[in-house]
PDB file of N, CA and C in Angstrom:
ATOM      1  N   MET A   1      21.757  63.339   0.995  1.00  0.00           N
ATOM      2  CA  MET A   1      21.551  63.589   2.408  1.00  0.00           C
ATOM      3  C   MET A   1      20.087  63.341   2.732  1.00  0.00           C
ATOM      4  N   GLU A   2      19.848  62.769   3.881  1.00  0.00           N
ATOM      5  CA  GLU A   2      18.480  62.538   4.317  1.00  0.00           C
ATOM      6  C   GLU A   2      18.425  62.481   5.837  1.00  0.00           C
ATOM      7  N   PHE A   3      17.220  62.646   6.359  1.00  0.00           N
ATOM      8  CA  PHE A   3      17.011  62.561   7.801  1.00  0.00           C
ATOM      9  C   PHE A   3      15.618  62.016   8.067  1.00  0.00           C
ATOM     10  N   LYS A   4      15.426  61.501   9.262  1.00  0.00           N
ATOM     11  CA  LYS A   4      14.140  60.944   9.661  1.00  0.00           C
ATOM     12  C   LYS A   4      13.275  62.052  10.251  1.00  0.00           C
ATOM     13  N   THR A   5      12.024  62.069   9.838  1.00  0.00           N
ATOM     14  CA  THR A   5      11.086  63.061  10.356  1.00  0.00           C
ATOM     15  C   THR A   5      10.122  62.411  11.344  1.00  0.00           C
ATOM     16  N   SER A   6       9.462  63.220  12.130  1.00  0.00           N
ATOM     17  CA  SER A   6       8.498  62.724  13.110  1.00  0.00           C
ATOM     18  C   SER A   6       7.226  62.197  12.457  1.00  0.00           C
ATOM     19  N   SER A   7       6.820  62.805  11.341  1.00  0.00           N
ATOM     20  CA  SER A   7       5.528  62.474  10.740  1.00  0.00           C
ATOM     21  C   SER A   7       5.572  62.004   9.294  1.00  0.00           C
ATOM     22  N   PHE A   8       6.689  62.198   8.610  1.00  0.00           N
ATOM     23  CA  PHE A   8       6.716  61.941   7.172  1.00  0.00           C
ATOM     24  C   PHE A   8       7.718  60.873   6.746  1.00  0.00           C
ATOM     25  N   GLY A   9       8.269  60.126   7.678  1.00  0.00           N
ATOM     26  CA  GLY A   9       9.274  59.129   7.319  1.00  0.00           C
ATOM     27  C   GLY A   9      10.602  59.797   7.019  1.00  0.00           C
ATOM     28  N   VAL A  10      11.259  59.325   5.986  1.00  0.00           N
ATOM     29  CA  VAL A  10      12.564  59.860   5.604  1.00  0.00           C
ATOM     30  C   VAL A  10      12.383  61.068   4.693  1.00  0.00           C
ATOM     31  N   ALA A  11      13.148  62.111   4.951  1.00  0.00           N
ATOM     32  CA  ALA A  11      13.158  63.299   4.089  1.00  0.00           C
ATOM     33  C   ALA A  11      14.520  63.388   3.419  1.00  0.00           C
ATOM     34  N   ARG A  12      14.512  63.491   2.107  1.00  0.00           N
ATOM     35  CA  ARG A  12      15.747  63.680   1.348  1.00  0.00           C
ATOM     36  C   ARG A  12      15.944  65.170   1.116  1.00  0.00           C
ATOM     37  N   VAL A  13      17.168  65.621   1.310  1.00  0.00           N
ATOM     38  CA  VAL A  13      17.510  67.030   1.152  1.00  0.00           C
ATOM     39  C   VAL A  13      18.040  67.250  -0.259  1.00  0.00           C
ATOM     40  N   LYS A  14      17.422  68.167  -0.976  1.00  0.00           N
ATOM     41  CA  LYS A  14      17.860  68.541  -2.318  1.00  0.00           C
ATOM     42  C   LYS A  14      18.209  70.019  -2.306  1.00  0.00           C
ATOM     43  N   THR A  15      19.349  70.359  -2.865  1.00  0.00           N
ATOM     44  CA  THR A  15      19.720  71.768  -2.967  1.00  0.00           C
ATOM     45  C   THR A  15      19.461  72.252  -4.379  1.00  0.00           C
ATOM     46  N   SER A  16      19.096  73.507  -4.472  1.00  0.00           N
ATOM     47  CA  SER A  16      18.838  74.155  -5.751  1.00  0.00           C
ATOM     48  C   SER A  16      19.152  75.634  -5.571  1.00  0.00           C
ATOM     49  N   GLN A  17      18.783  76.422  -6.548  1.00  0.00           N
ATOM     50  CA  GLN A  17      18.964  77.870  -6.450  1.00  0.00           C
ATOM     51  C   GLN A  17      17.694  78.568  -6.900  1.00  0.00           C
ATOM     52  N   TYR A  18      17.398  79.670  -6.230  1.00  0.00           N
ATOM     53  CA  TYR A  18      16.343  80.549  -6.704  1.00  0.00           C
ATOM     54  C   TYR A  18      16.866  81.276  -7.940  1.00  0.00           C
ATOM     55  N   SER A  19      16.010  81.936  -8.672  1.00  0.00           N
ATOM     56  CA  SER A  19      16.415  82.598  -9.922  1.00  0.00           C
ATOM     57  C   SER A  19      17.491  83.657  -9.708  1.00  0.00           C
ATOM     58  N   ASP A  20      17.591  84.193  -8.488  1.00  0.00           N
ATOM     59  CA  ASP A  20      18.621  85.201  -8.204  1.00  0.00           C
ATOM     60  C   ASP A  20      19.916  84.582  -7.679  1.00  0.00           C
ATOM     61  N   GLY A  21      19.979  83.257  -7.623  1.00  0.00           N
ATOM     62  CA  GLY A  21      21.197  82.573  -7.209  1.00  0.00           C
ATOM     63  C   GLY A  21      21.253  82.179  -5.746  1.00  0.00           C
ATOM     64  N   ASN A  22      20.295  82.619  -4.942  1.00  0.00           N
ATOM     65  CA  ASN A  22      20.289  82.248  -3.526  1.00  0.00           C
ATOM     66  C   ASN A  22      20.004  80.756  -3.367  1.00  0.00           C
ATOM     67  N   LEU A  23      20.552  80.165  -2.317  1.00  0.00           N
ATOM     68  CA  LEU A  23      20.407  78.742  -2.043  1.00  0.00           C
ATOM     69  C   LEU A  23      18.966  78.397  -1.687  1.00  0.00           C
ATOM     70  N   ALA A  24      18.446  77.360  -2.322  1.00  0.00           N
ATOM     71  CA  ALA A  24      17.116  76.832  -2.025  1.00  0.00           C
ATOM     72  C   ALA A  24      17.276  75.415  -1.485  1.00  0.00           C
ATOM     73  N   ILE A  25      16.535  75.091  -0.436  1.00  0.00           N
ATOM     74  CA  ILE A  25      16.572  73.758   0.163  1.00  0.00           C
ATOM     75  C   ILE A  25      15.187  73.132   0.025  1.00  0.00           C
ATOM     76  N   LEU A  26      15.140  72.023  -0.689  1.00  0.00           N
ATOM     77  CA  LEU A  26      13.888  71.312  -0.934  1.00  0.00           C
ATOM     78  C   LEU A  26      13.940  69.973  -0.225  1.00  0.00           C
ATOM     79  N   LEU A  27      12.815  69.537   0.295  1.00  0.00           N
ATOM     80  CA  LEU A  27      12.727  68.239   0.952  1.00  0.00           C
ATOM     81  C   LEU A  27      11.763  67.356   0.176  1.00  0.00           C
ATOM     82  N   GLU A  28      12.199  66.119  -0.075  1.00  0.00           N
ATOM     83  CA  GLU A  28      11.379  65.137  -0.780  1.00  0.00           C
ATOM     84  C   GLU A  28      11.219  63.909   0.098  1.00  0.00           C
ATOM     85  N   ASP A  29      10.137  63.150  -0.133  1.00  0.00           N
ATOM     86  CA  ASP A  29       9.993  61.891   0.591  1.00  0.00           C
ATOM     87  C   ASP A  29      10.850  60.822  -0.077  1.00  0.00           C
ATOM     88  N   GLU A  30      10.824  59.622   0.452  1.00  0.00           N
ATOM     89  CA  GLU A  30      11.691  58.557  -0.047  1.00  0.00           C
ATOM     90  C   GLU A  30      11.370  58.143  -1.479  1.00  0.00           C
ATOM     91  N   PHE A  31      10.217  58.559  -2.003  1.00  0.00           N
ATOM     92  CA  PHE A  31       9.822  58.229  -3.366  1.00  0.00           C
ATOM     93  C   PHE A  31      10.070  59.379  -4.338  1.00  0.00           C
ATOM     94  N   GLY A  32      10.627  60.474  -3.838  1.00  0.00           N
ATOM     95  CA  GLY A  32      10.928  61.623  -4.678  1.00  0.00           C
ATOM     96  C   GLY A  32       9.813  62.642  -4.791  1.00  0.00           C
ATOM     97  N   SER A  33       8.747  62.461  -4.030  1.00  0.00           N
ATOM     98  CA  SER A  33       7.645  63.430  -4.046  1.00  0.00           C
ATOM     99  C   SER A  33       7.978  64.589  -3.111  1.00  0.00           C
ATOM    100  N   PRO A  34       7.572  65.810  -3.471  1.00  0.00           N
ATOM    101  CA  PRO A  34       7.869  66.976  -2.635  1.00  0.00           C
ATOM    102  C   PRO A  34       7.214  66.877  -1.255  1.00  0.00           C
ATOM    103  N   LEU A  35       7.986  67.199  -0.234  1.00  0.00           N
ATOM    104  CA  LEU A  35       7.470  67.294   1.134  1.00  0.00           C
ATOM    105  C   LEU A  35       7.334  68.745   1.558  1.00  0.00           C
ATOM    106  N   SER A  36       8.403  69.502   1.325  1.00  0.00           N
ATOM    107  CA  SER A  36       8.438  70.867   1.830  1.00  0.00           C
ATOM    108  C   SER A  36       9.588  71.641   1.200  1.00  0.00           C
ATOM    109  N   ARG A  37       9.453  72.944   1.216  1.00  0.00           N
ATOM    110  CA  ARG A  37      10.569  73.829   0.878  1.00  0.00           C
ATOM    111  C   ARG A  37      11.041  74.394   2.213  1.00  0.00           C
ATOM    112  N   LEU A  38      12.265  74.043   2.587  1.00  0.00           N
ATOM    113  CA  LEU A  38      12.790  74.436   3.892  1.00  0.00           C
ATOM    114  C   LEU A  38      13.338  75.861   3.884  1.00  0.00           C
ATOM    115  N   SER A  39      13.539  76.411   2.707  1.00  0.00           N
ATOM    116  CA  SER A  39      14.120  77.753   2.586  1.00  0.00           C
ATOM    117  C   SER A  39      13.082  78.763   2.120  1.00  0.00           C
ATOM    118  N   VAL A  40      13.388  80.016   2.391  1.00  0.00           N
ATOM    119  CA  VAL A  40      12.593  81.154   1.927  1.00  0.00           C
ATOM    120  C   VAL A  40      13.558  82.093   1.216  1.00  0.00           C
ATOM    121  N   ASN A  41      13.164  82.589   0.057  1.00  0.00           N
ATOM    122  CA  ASN A  41      14.022  83.528  -0.660  1.00  0.00           C
ATOM    123  C   ASN A  41      13.699  84.953  -0.221  1.00  0.00           C
ATOM    124  N   MET A  42      14.712  85.643   0.269  1.00  0.00           N
ATOM    125  CA  MET A  42      14.562  87.028   0.707  1.00  0.00           C
ATOM    126  C   MET A  42      15.685  87.839   0.070  1.00  0.00           C
ATOM    127  N   PRO A  43      15.546  88.184  -1.212  1.00  0.00           N
ATOM    128  CA  PRO A  43      16.624  88.840  -1.958  1.00  0.00           C
ATOM    129  C   PRO A  43      17.149  90.117  -1.313  1.00  0.00           C
ATOM    130  N   ASP A  44      16.276  90.898  -0.679  1.00  0.00           N
ATOM    131  CA  ASP A  44      16.713  92.159  -0.072  1.00  0.00           C
ATOM    132  C   ASP A  44      17.615  91.947   1.144  1.00  0.00           C
ATOM    133  N   SER A  45      17.587  90.746   1.705  1.00  0.00           N
ATOM    134  CA  SER A  45      18.421  90.443   2.873  1.00  0.00           C
ATOM    135  C   SER A  45      19.537  89.459   2.557  1.00  0.00           C
ATOM    136  N   ALA A  46      19.692  89.106   1.296  1.00  0.00           N
ATOM    137  CA  ALA A  46      20.669  88.083   0.896  1.00  0.00           C
ATOM    138  C   ALA A  46      22.108  88.457   1.257  1.00  0.00           C
ATOM    139  N   TYR A  47      22.379  89.743   1.399  1.00  0.00           N
ATOM    140  CA  TYR A  47      23.736  90.178   1.760  1.00  0.00           C
ATOM    141  C   TYR A  47      24.159  89.634   3.133  1.00  0.00           C
ATOM    142  N   LEU A  48      23.204  89.190   3.938  1.00  0.00           N
ATOM    143  CA  LEU A  48      23.501  88.636   5.258  1.00  0.00           C
ATOM    144  C   LEU A  48      23.976  87.183   5.200  1.00  0.00           C
ATOM    145  N   LEU A  49      23.805  86.545   4.048  1.00  0.00           N
ATOM    146  CA  LEU A  49      24.116  85.122   3.918  1.00  0.00           C
ATOM    147  C   LEU A  49      25.553  84.881   3.502  1.00  0.00           C
ATOM    148  N   ASN A  50      26.164  83.892   4.117  1.00  0.00           N
ATOM    149  CA  ASN A  50      27.465  83.397   3.690  1.00  0.00           C
ATOM    150  C   ASN A  50      27.240  82.148   2.846  1.00  0.00           C
ATOM    151  N   GLU A  51      28.317  81.575   2.343  1.00  0.00           N
ATOM    152  CA  GLU A  51      28.213  80.366   1.538  1.00  0.00           C
ATOM    153  C   GLU A  51      27.518  79.257   2.338  1.00  0.00           C
ATOM    154  N   ASN A  52      26.653  78.511   1.668  1.00  0.00           N
ATOM    155  CA  ASN A  52      25.901  77.392   2.253  1.00  0.00           C
ATOM    156  C   ASN A  52      24.870  77.824   3.292  1.00  0.00           C
ATOM    157  N   GLN A  53      24.499  79.113   3.293  1.00  0.00           N
ATOM    158  CA  GLN A  53      23.491  79.594   4.228  1.00  0.00           C
ATOM    159  C   GLN A  53      22.212  79.972   3.491  1.00  0.00           C
ATOM    160  N   PHE A  54      21.102  79.894   4.224  1.00  0.00           N
ATOM    161  CA  PHE A  54      19.793  80.209   3.651  1.00  0.00           C
ATOM    162  C   PHE A  54      18.864  80.668   4.768  1.00  0.00           C
ATOM    163  N   PHE A  55      17.768  81.314   4.376  1.00  0.00           N
ATOM    164  CA  PHE A  55      16.737  81.712   5.323  1.00  0.00           C
ATOM    165  C   PHE A  55      15.797  80.524   5.497  1.00  0.00           C
ATOM    166  N   ALA A  56      15.687  80.014   6.712  1.00  0.00           N
ATOM    167  CA  ALA A  56      14.893  78.815   6.980  1.00  0.00           C
ATOM    168  C   ALA A  56      13.439  79.177   7.245  1.00  0.00           C
ATOM    169  N   LYS A  57      12.540  78.415   6.627  1.00  0.00           N
ATOM    170  CA  LYS A  57      11.112  78.564   6.897  1.00  0.00           C
ATOM    171  C   LYS A  57      10.769  77.615   8.042  1.00  0.00           C
ATOM    172  N   THR A  58      10.697  78.165   9.240  1.00  0.00           N
ATOM    173  CA  THR A  58      10.471  77.359  10.444  1.00  0.00           C
ATOM    174  C   THR A  58       9.075  77.576  11.026  1.00  0.00           C
ATOM    175  N   TYR A  59       8.215  78.238  10.295  1.00  0.00           N
ATOM    176  CA  TYR A  59       6.884  78.589  10.780  1.00  0.00           C
ATOM    177  C   TYR A  59       5.813  77.859   9.972  1.00  0.00           C
ATOM    178  N   SER A  60       4.590  78.004  10.410  1.00  0.00           N
ATOM    179  CA  SER A  60       3.414  77.471   9.734  1.00  0.00           C
ATOM    180  C   SER A  60       3.544  75.961   9.535  1.00  0.00           C
ATOM    181  N   GLU A  61       3.254  75.478   8.335  1.00  0.00           N
ATOM    182  CA  GLU A  61       3.274  74.035   8.075  1.00  0.00           C
ATOM    183  C   GLU A  61       4.674  73.431   8.160  1.00  0.00           C
ATOM    184  N   ASN A  62       5.703  74.250   8.198  1.00  0.00           N
ATOM    185  CA  ASN A  62       7.087  73.759   8.265  1.00  0.00           C
ATOM    186  C   ASN A  62       7.604  73.593   9.694  1.00  0.00           C
ATOM    187  N   GLU A  63       6.839  73.994  10.671  1.00  0.00           N
ATOM    188  CA  GLU A  63       7.342  74.023  12.047  1.00  0.00           C
ATOM    189  C   GLU A  63       7.922  72.674  12.491  1.00  0.00           C
ATOM    190  N   GLU A  64       7.180  71.597  12.325  1.00  0.00           N
ATOM    191  CA  GLU A  64       7.642  70.281  12.788  1.00  0.00           C
ATOM    192  C   GLU A  64       8.815  69.756  11.966  1.00  0.00           C
ATOM    193  N   ILE A  65       8.712  69.829  10.658  1.00  0.00           N
ATOM    194  CA  ILE A  65       9.774  69.271   9.814  1.00  0.00           C
ATOM    195  C   ILE A  65      11.061  70.091   9.937  1.00  0.00           C
ATOM    196  N   ALA A  66      10.934  71.388  10.204  1.00  0.00           N
ATOM    197  CA  ALA A  66      12.125  72.218  10.421  1.00  0.00           C
ATOM    198  C   ALA A  66      12.831  71.796  11.713  1.00  0.00           C
ATOM    199  N   GLN A  67      12.065  71.487  12.753  1.00  0.00           N
ATOM    200  CA  GLN A  67      12.662  70.993  14.002  1.00  0.00           C
ATOM    201  C   GLN A  67      13.397  69.677  13.762  1.00  0.00           C
ATOM    202  N   ASP A  68      12.781  68.786  12.976  1.00  0.00           N
ATOM    203  CA  ASP A  68      13.418  67.507  12.644  1.00  0.00           C
ATOM    204  C   ASP A  68      14.706  67.729  11.857  1.00  0.00           C
ATOM    205  N   ALA A  69      14.665  68.661  10.913  1.00  0.00           N
ATOM    206  CA  ALA A  69      15.839  68.948  10.079  1.00  0.00           C
ATOM    207  C   ALA A  69      16.989  69.468  10.935  1.00  0.00           C
ATOM    208  N   LEU A  70      16.699  70.389  11.822  1.00  0.00           N
ATOM    209  CA  LEU A  70      17.743  70.951  12.680  1.00  0.00           C
ATOM    210  C   LEU A  70      18.312  69.879  13.620  1.00  0.00           C
ATOM    211  N   ALA A  71      17.446  69.040  14.161  1.00  0.00           N
ATOM    212  CA  ALA A  71      17.881  67.974  15.071  1.00  0.00           C
ATOM    213  C   ALA A  71      18.712  66.908  14.361  1.00  0.00           C
ATOM    214  N   SER A  72      18.606  66.830  13.047  1.00  0.00           N
ATOM    215  CA  SER A  72      19.325  65.801  12.283  1.00  0.00           C
ATOM    216  C   SER A  72      20.835  66.006  12.281  1.00  0.00           C
ATOM    217  N   GLY A  73      21.272  67.235  12.557  1.00  0.00           N
ATOM    218  CA  GLY A  73      22.700  67.533  12.509  1.00  0.00           C
ATOM    219  C   GLY A  73      23.197  67.907  11.122  1.00  0.00           C
ATOM    220  N   LEU A  74      22.308  67.928  10.140  1.00  0.00           N
ATOM    221  CA  LEU A  74      22.686  68.318   8.780  1.00  0.00           C
ATOM    222  C   LEU A  74      22.695  69.831   8.605  1.00  0.00           C
ATOM    223  N   PHE A  75      22.067  70.528   9.556  1.00  0.00           N
ATOM    224  CA  PHE A  75      21.943  71.979   9.493  1.00  0.00           C
ATOM    225  C   PHE A  75      22.380  72.577  10.823  1.00  0.00           C
ATOM    226  N   ARG A  76      22.813  73.845  10.753  1.00  0.00           N
ATOM    227  CA  ARG A  76      23.190  74.592  11.957  1.00  0.00           C
ATOM    228  C   ARG A  76      22.501  75.943  11.896  1.00  0.00           C
ATOM    229  N   GLN A  77      21.853  76.334  12.990  1.00  0.00           N
ATOM    230  CA  GLN A  77      21.243  77.656  13.054  1.00  0.00           C
ATOM    231  C   GLN A  77      22.294  78.667  13.475  1.00  0.00           C
ATOM    232  N   THR A  78      22.386  79.767  12.747  1.00  0.00           N
ATOM    233  CA  THR A  78      23.321  80.834  13.096  1.00  0.00           C
ATOM    234  C   THR A  78      22.645  81.767  14.102  1.00  0.00           C
ATOM    235  N   ASN A  79      23.308  82.838  14.451  1.00  0.00           N
ATOM    236  CA  ASN A  79      22.741  83.823  15.378  1.00  0.00           C
ATOM    237  C   ASN A  79      21.946  84.907  14.667  1.00  0.00           C
ATOM    238  N   THR A  80      21.790  84.786  13.353  1.00  0.00           N
ATOM    239  CA  THR A  80      21.096  85.810  12.574  1.00  0.00           C
ATOM    240  C   THR A  80      19.644  85.408  12.345  1.00  0.00           C
ATOM    241  N   ILE A  81      18.739  86.337  12.637  1.00  0.00           N
ATOM    242  CA  ILE A  81      17.308  86.156  12.387  1.00  0.00           C
ATOM    243  C   ILE A  81      16.814  87.414  11.691  1.00  0.00           C
ATOM    244  N   VAL A  82      16.048  87.224  10.614  1.00  0.00           N
ATOM    245  CA  VAL A  82      15.564  88.353   9.824  1.00  0.00           C
ATOM    246  C   VAL A  82      14.040  88.350   9.823  1.00  0.00           C
ATOM    247  N   LYS A  83      13.454  89.502  10.056  1.00  0.00           N
ATOM    248  CA  LYS A  83      12.000  89.669  10.024  1.00  0.00           C
ATOM    249  C   LYS A  83      11.537  89.672   8.570  1.00  0.00           C
ATOM    250  N   ASN A  84      10.496  88.891   8.296  1.00  0.00           N
ATOM    251  CA  ASN A  84       9.913  88.802   6.957  1.00  0.00           C
ATOM    252  C   ASN A  84       8.400  88.932   7.111  1.00  0.00           C
ATOM    253  N   GLY A  85       7.900  90.145   6.987  1.00  0.00           N
ATOM    254  CA  GLY A  85       6.475  90.364   7.210  1.00  0.00           C
ATOM    255  C   GLY A  85       6.133  90.112   8.670  1.00  0.00           C
ATOM    256  N   TRP A  86       5.231  89.151   8.911  1.00  0.00           N
ATOM    257  CA  TRP A  86       4.777  88.844  10.268  1.00  0.00           C
ATOM    258  C   TRP A  86       5.606  87.763  10.946  1.00  0.00           C
ATOM    259  N   VAL A  87       6.564  87.204  10.236  1.00  0.00           N
ATOM    260  CA  VAL A  87       7.355  86.101  10.796  1.00  0.00           C
ATOM    261  C   VAL A  87       8.836  86.446  10.812  1.00  0.00           C
ATOM    262  N   SER A  88       9.580  85.676  11.584  1.00  0.00           N
ATOM    263  CA  SER A  88      11.035  85.817  11.623  1.00  0.00           C
ATOM    264  C   SER A  88      11.656  84.565  11.022  1.00  0.00           C
ATOM    265  N   CYS A  89      12.675  84.757  10.202  1.00  0.00           N
ATOM    266  CA  CYS A  89      13.348  83.646   9.534  1.00  0.00           C
ATOM    267  C   CYS A  89      14.792  83.568  10.008  1.00  0.00           C
ATOM    268  N   PRO A  90      15.151  82.480  10.675  1.00  0.00           N
ATOM    269  CA  PRO A  90      16.539  82.323  11.086  1.00  0.00           C
ATOM    270  C   PRO A  90      17.411  81.950   9.893  1.00  0.00           C
ATOM    271  N   VAL A  91      18.662  82.336   9.956  1.00  0.00           N
ATOM    272  CA  VAL A  91      19.626  81.911   8.942  1.00  0.00           C
ATOM    273  C   VAL A  91      20.199  80.577   9.387  1.00  0.00           C
ATOM    274  N   TRP A  92      20.094  79.593   8.513  1.00  0.00           N
ATOM    275  CA  TRP A  92      20.662  78.271   8.756  1.00  0.00           C
ATOM    276  C   TRP A  92      21.794  78.035   7.777  1.00  0.00           C
ATOM    277  N   GLU A  93      22.660  77.141   8.155  1.00  0.00           N
ATOM    278  CA  GLU A  93      23.747  76.708   7.278  1.00  0.00           C
ATOM    279  C   GLU A  93      23.606  75.211   7.046  1.00  0.00           C
ATOM    280  N   ILE A  94      23.727  74.800   5.794  1.00  0.00           N
ATOM    281  CA  ILE A  94      23.733  73.373   5.497  1.00  0.00           C
ATOM    282  C   ILE A  94      25.166  72.892   5.695  1.00  0.00           C
ATOM    283  N   LEU A  95      25.340  71.871   6.508  1.00  0.00           N
ATOM    284  CA  LEU A  95      26.676  71.449   6.909  1.00  0.00           C
ATOM    285  C   LEU A  95      27.317  70.460   5.943  1.00  0.00           C
ATOM    286  N   THR A  96      26.510  69.764   5.164  1.00  0.00           N
ATOM    287  CA  THR A  96      27.045  68.794   4.215  1.00  0.00           C
ATOM    288  C   THR A  96      26.372  68.998   2.863  1.00  0.00           C
ATOM    289  N   PRO A  97      26.737  70.076   2.167  1.00  0.00           N
ATOM    290  CA  PRO A  97      26.046  70.364   0.898  1.00  0.00           C
ATOM    291  C   PRO A  97      26.351  69.333  -0.181  1.00  0.00           C
TER     292      PRO A  97
END
């Protein structure tokens, strides 16, 4: 799976797991170099996640690429948002894992 970004060209979506089994979403450029980690691991709130769902990092350096990812149609934002320190993390679902 891949999508076009505003500033980084093509982003390839890679799925993985955190050590506790939660879904991790990694983004790489077309050459396989890391671009961003689109997910945040929040083990204490993991009970809120369904299959193929993750806490999206949509703040800080991820703000633009997260908007591109959501606009790609590969992800869907749910109605759940969880506070993590000073930021809020929406729950996203990957539509084509």
